[in-house]
Each structure stands twice: as structure tokens, then as C-alpha cells.
Amino acid sequence: MRKQKPVQESFVRMTELVLPNDTNTLNNLMGGRMMHLMDIAAAIAAQRHSNRIVVTASVDNVSFREGIRLGNVVTLEAKVTRSFSSSMEVHIDVWAEDIPSGTKVKSNEAYFTFVAVDQSGRPIDVPEAVAETEEEIKHYDGALRRRQLRLVLAGRMKPNEASELKALFDIA
């Protein structure tokens, strides 16, 4: 039986100030810089959960809902949603705050997948993630479906083997 660990123990809150070097010609945070920050926050969450070195395996759709402006404070919140044998799904929320105006908006969210590895780079087992709050349970319950979709899209699973997706796509 795998060791268990509450997902709350993986929680990460990271804050950055958007400086001129981080922006494009419209004074908005560059998308690549945002993804860099998201990858760091998510990796820390996965490391906290697994107590291992982790590597990024996949990034789901990252939608940019609201621009993040020069001078805004960016807050990233990441936490493991579910773990499998050696992989972990991490959910990230990104908030943009304009301190002088007192406004804060949700700018981005995404799911990243990490694999824990040993010193030789081989996958290694991670603790089972234990969801406790209503929100954690919601993310946990959807994680297997998202994982199977990722595997199908990557060609690593046949659609008819994706038990969680069959009902969604009416696959016999």
C-alpha cells in the first residue's frame, strides 16, 4: 500500500512583481514568462507532495483570460490534485493584482503533470494524494478523466481504453 499524504501539504503560494523586462511591447506580462512562473510553482507543489525530484510531463490548456500589466502583482497558487503511481497532477490558479486601484482578477489557470524521478532519472512511486475539502475532492474526482484525455491525445492510450471518457464521448 502506498503512503498517503493530504493534498493541502503540497500547497504553494508564489508572488511576483511584473517588471519591464517581463513584458511585451504592450506592457503586458509575456505568455512565456507566465508559463515559466506557473511551471516553477507547480513543480514546487509536486516536490512537496512527493519529496522527490520532479520533471514536467505535460501542461494542459493554458488560457489567458485577463492581461497582466506592468506593475501588477502576480500570485500563483498551486496544489497537487491527485497522484498516480509516479505522476502527479497539479492545479494552478493565477491572480493579477493592481495594488493602487485595489483590484484583483483571476488571470489564468491550468493543470500541469509531473513525474517523480530518482537520482538516475527513472520514475519512482509517490504518495497517494488525499483530498479533504469539497474543492479538493472536485479536482481529485476529475483528475482521472483529465489524465486519460492527456494519454489519448498523446497517443499513449487508445480511446476505447479510456474508461472515464467513454461516457463523455459515447464510445462503446
Protein backbone atom coordinates (compact mmCIF):
# COMPACT_ATOMS: atom_id res chain seq x y z
CA MET A 1 0.00 0.00 0.00
CA ARG A 2 1.28 3.45 -0.94
CA LYS A 3 1.88 6.06 1.69
CA GLN A 4 -0.86 8.72 1.84
CA LYS A 5 -0.44 12.48 2.05
CA PRO A 6 -3.07 15.26 2.21
CA VAL A 7 -3.01 17.45 -0.90
CA GLN A 8 -3.04 20.56 1.32
CA GLU A 9 0.56 19.77 2.28
CA SER A 10 1.60 20.47 -1.32
CA PHE A 11 0.08 23.98 -1.38
CA VAL A 12 2.31 26.73 -2.83
CA ARG A 13 1.67 30.46 -2.99
CA MET A 14 4.20 32.38 -5.04
CA THR A 15 4.16 36.15 -5.63
CA GLU A 16 5.99 38.16 -8.28
CA LEU A 17 6.01 41.81 -9.33
CA VAL A 18 5.70 42.38 -13.10
CA LEU A 19 8.74 44.40 -14.13
CA PRO A 20 9.59 45.97 -17.53
CA ASN A 21 11.83 43.05 -18.54
CA ASP A 22 8.85 40.67 -18.09
CA THR A 23 6.55 42.50 -20.52
CA ASN A 24 5.86 42.72 -24.23
CA THR A 25 5.59 45.95 -26.24
CA LEU A 26 2.04 46.47 -24.93
CA ASN A 27 3.32 46.40 -21.32
CA ASN A 28 1.59 43.07 -20.63
CA LEU A 29 3.30 40.12 -18.99
CA MET A 30 4.64 37.85 -21.73
CA GLY A 31 2.89 34.49 -22.01
CA GLY A 32 6.16 32.58 -21.92
CA ARG A 33 7.17 34.33 -18.71
CA MET A 34 3.77 33.45 -17.21
CA MET A 35 4.21 29.79 -18.14
CA HIS A 36 7.71 29.85 -16.63
CA LEU A 37 6.29 31.09 -13.32
CA MET A 38 3.46 28.54 -13.44
CA ASP A 39 5.92 25.69 -14.07
CA ILE A 40 8.01 26.72 -11.07
CA ALA A 41 5.04 26.98 -8.68
CA ALA A 42 3.59 23.67 -9.90
CA ALA A 43 6.97 21.90 -9.63
CA ILE A 44 7.36 23.05 -6.03
CA ALA A 45 3.89 21.67 -5.21
CA ALA A 46 4.77 18.32 -6.83
CA GLN A 47 8.08 18.20 -4.97
CA ARG A 48 6.34 18.93 -1.66
CA HIS A 49 3.94 16.09 -2.28
CA SER A 50 6.49 13.54 -3.45
CA ASN A 51 9.64 14.65 -1.61
CA ARG A 52 11.41 13.84 -4.87
CA ILE A 53 12.95 15.46 -7.92
CA VAL A 54 10.16 16.07 -10.45
CA VAL A 55 10.05 16.69 -14.18
CA THR A 56 7.27 18.33 -16.16
CA ALA A 57 5.40 15.73 -18.21
CA SER A 58 2.57 17.82 -19.66
CA VAL A 59 0.73 21.09 -19.49
CA ASP A 60 -2.97 21.25 -20.25
CA ASN A 61 -4.60 24.16 -22.00
CA VAL A 62 -3.45 27.49 -20.59
CA SER A 63 -5.97 30.22 -21.35
CA PHE A 64 -5.09 33.85 -20.85
CA ARG A 65 -8.36 35.39 -19.61
CA GLU A 66 -7.09 38.74 -18.40
CA GLY A 67 -3.92 40.58 -19.30
CA ILE A 68 -1.43 41.16 -16.52
CA ARG A 69 0.01 44.63 -16.70
CA LEU A 70 3.39 46.13 -15.90
CA GLY A 71 3.45 46.86 -12.16
CA ASN A 72 0.81 44.26 -11.27
CA VAL A 73 1.48 41.72 -8.55
CA VAL A 74 1.04 38.16 -9.78
CA THR A 75 0.04 35.50 -7.25
CA LEU A 76 0.20 31.84 -8.24
CA GLU A 77 -1.44 29.17 -6.11
CA ALA A 78 -0.65 25.54 -6.86
CA LYS A 79 -1.55 22.24 -5.25
CA VAL A 80 -1.47 18.56 -6.20
CA THR A 81 -4.95 17.37 -7.14
CA ARG A 82 -4.25 13.65 -7.47
CA SER A 83 -1.33 11.28 -7.77
CA PHE A 84 -0.99 8.08 -9.71
CA SER A 85 1.97 5.68 -9.42
CA SER A 86 4.80 8.11 -10.24
CA SER A 87 2.88 11.06 -11.68
CA MET A 88 1.02 13.93 -10.07
CA GLU A 89 -1.49 16.37 -11.47
CA VAL A 90 -1.12 19.93 -10.14
CA HIS A 91 -3.76 22.66 -10.48
CA ILE A 92 -2.61 26.28 -10.65
CA ASP A 93 -4.63 29.49 -10.28
CA VAL A 94 -3.06 32.81 -11.25
CA TRP A 95 -4.26 36.14 -9.92
CA ALA A 96 -3.28 39.63 -11.09
CA GLU A 97 -3.49 42.44 -8.55
CA ASP A 98 -3.33 46.16 -9.20
CA ILE A 99 -2.46 47.37 -5.73
CA PRO A 100 -3.05 51.13 -6.30
CA SER A 101 -6.59 50.52 -7.61
CA GLY A 102 -7.32 47.70 -5.17
CA THR A 103 -8.43 45.29 -7.92
CA LYS A 104 -7.61 41.61 -8.17
CA VAL A 105 -8.67 39.34 -11.05
CA LYS A 106 -8.17 35.70 -11.89
CA SER A 107 -5.97 35.71 -14.95
CA ASN A 108 -5.10 32.08 -15.68
CA GLU A 109 -5.48 28.52 -14.52
CA ALA A 110 -4.07 25.24 -15.75
CA TYR A 111 -3.23 21.67 -14.90
CA PHE A 112 0.38 20.51 -15.07
CA THR A 113 1.53 16.90 -14.78
CA PHE A 114 4.82 15.97 -13.15
CA VAL A 115 6.65 12.68 -12.79
CA ALA A 116 8.78 12.00 -9.73
CA VAL A 117 12.18 10.54 -10.57
CA ASP A 118 15.09 9.04 -8.69
CA GLN A 119 18.71 10.23 -8.96
CA SER A 120 19.09 8.27 -12.22
CA GLY A 121 16.03 9.91 -13.77
CA ARG A 122 13.82 6.81 -13.53
CA PRO A 123 10.18 7.22 -12.42
CA ILE A 124 9.60 6.46 -8.76
CA ASP A 125 6.42 5.92 -6.73
CA VAL A 126 4.81 8.87 -4.98
CA PRO A 127 2.38 9.02 -2.04
CA GLU A 128 -1.33 8.74 -2.73
CA ALA A 129 -2.98 12.17 -2.64
CA VAL A 130 -5.77 12.53 -0.08
CA ALA A 131 -8.40 15.14 -0.94
CA GLU A 132 -10.20 16.55 2.11
CA THR A 133 -12.13 19.73 1.22
CA GLU A 134 -15.03 19.96 -1.22
CA GLU A 135 -12.85 21.77 -3.79
CA GLU A 136 -10.03 19.23 -3.41
CA ILE A 137 -12.50 16.37 -3.92
CA LYS A 138 -13.89 18.04 -7.06
CA HIS A 139 -10.38 18.32 -8.56
CA TYR A 140 -9.50 14.78 -7.42
CA ASP A 141 -12.64 13.29 -8.98
CA GLY A 142 -11.94 14.89 -12.38
CA ALA A 143 -8.23 14.04 -12.43
CA LEU A 144 -8.55 10.51 -13.83
CA ARG A 145 -10.69 11.81 -16.71
CA ARG A 146 -8.15 14.55 -17.47
CA ARG A 147 -5.30 12.03 -17.25
CA GLN A 148 -6.96 9.65 -19.68
CA LEU A 149 -7.65 12.51 -22.10
CA ARG A 150 -3.97 13.55 -21.94
CA LEU A 151 -2.88 9.96 -22.62
CA VAL A 152 -5.29 9.56 -25.54
CA LEU A 153 -4.18 12.87 -27.09
CA ALA A 154 -0.52 11.85 -26.66
CA GLY A 155 -1.18 8.51 -28.36
CA ARG A 156 -0.25 6.58 -25.22
CA MET A 157 -3.77 5.19 -24.66
CA LYS A 158 -6.40 4.00 -27.12
CA PRO A 159 -9.71 5.89 -26.87
CA ASN A 160 -11.63 2.66 -26.22
CA GLU A 161 -9.37 2.00 -23.18
CA ALA A 162 -10.22 5.36 -21.59
CA SER A 163 -12.93 4.18 -19.22
CA GLU A 164 -13.59 7.66 -17.81
CA LEU A 165 -14.02 9.19 -21.27
CA LYS A 166 -16.40 6.59 -22.73
CA ALA A 167 -19.48 8.20 -21.20
CA LEU A 168 -18.42 11.66 -22.36
CA PHE A 169 -17.94 10.61 -25.98
CA ASP A 170 -20.49 7.77 -26.06
CA ILE A 171 -17.76 5.26 -27.00
CA ALA A 172 -18.85 1.64 -26.95
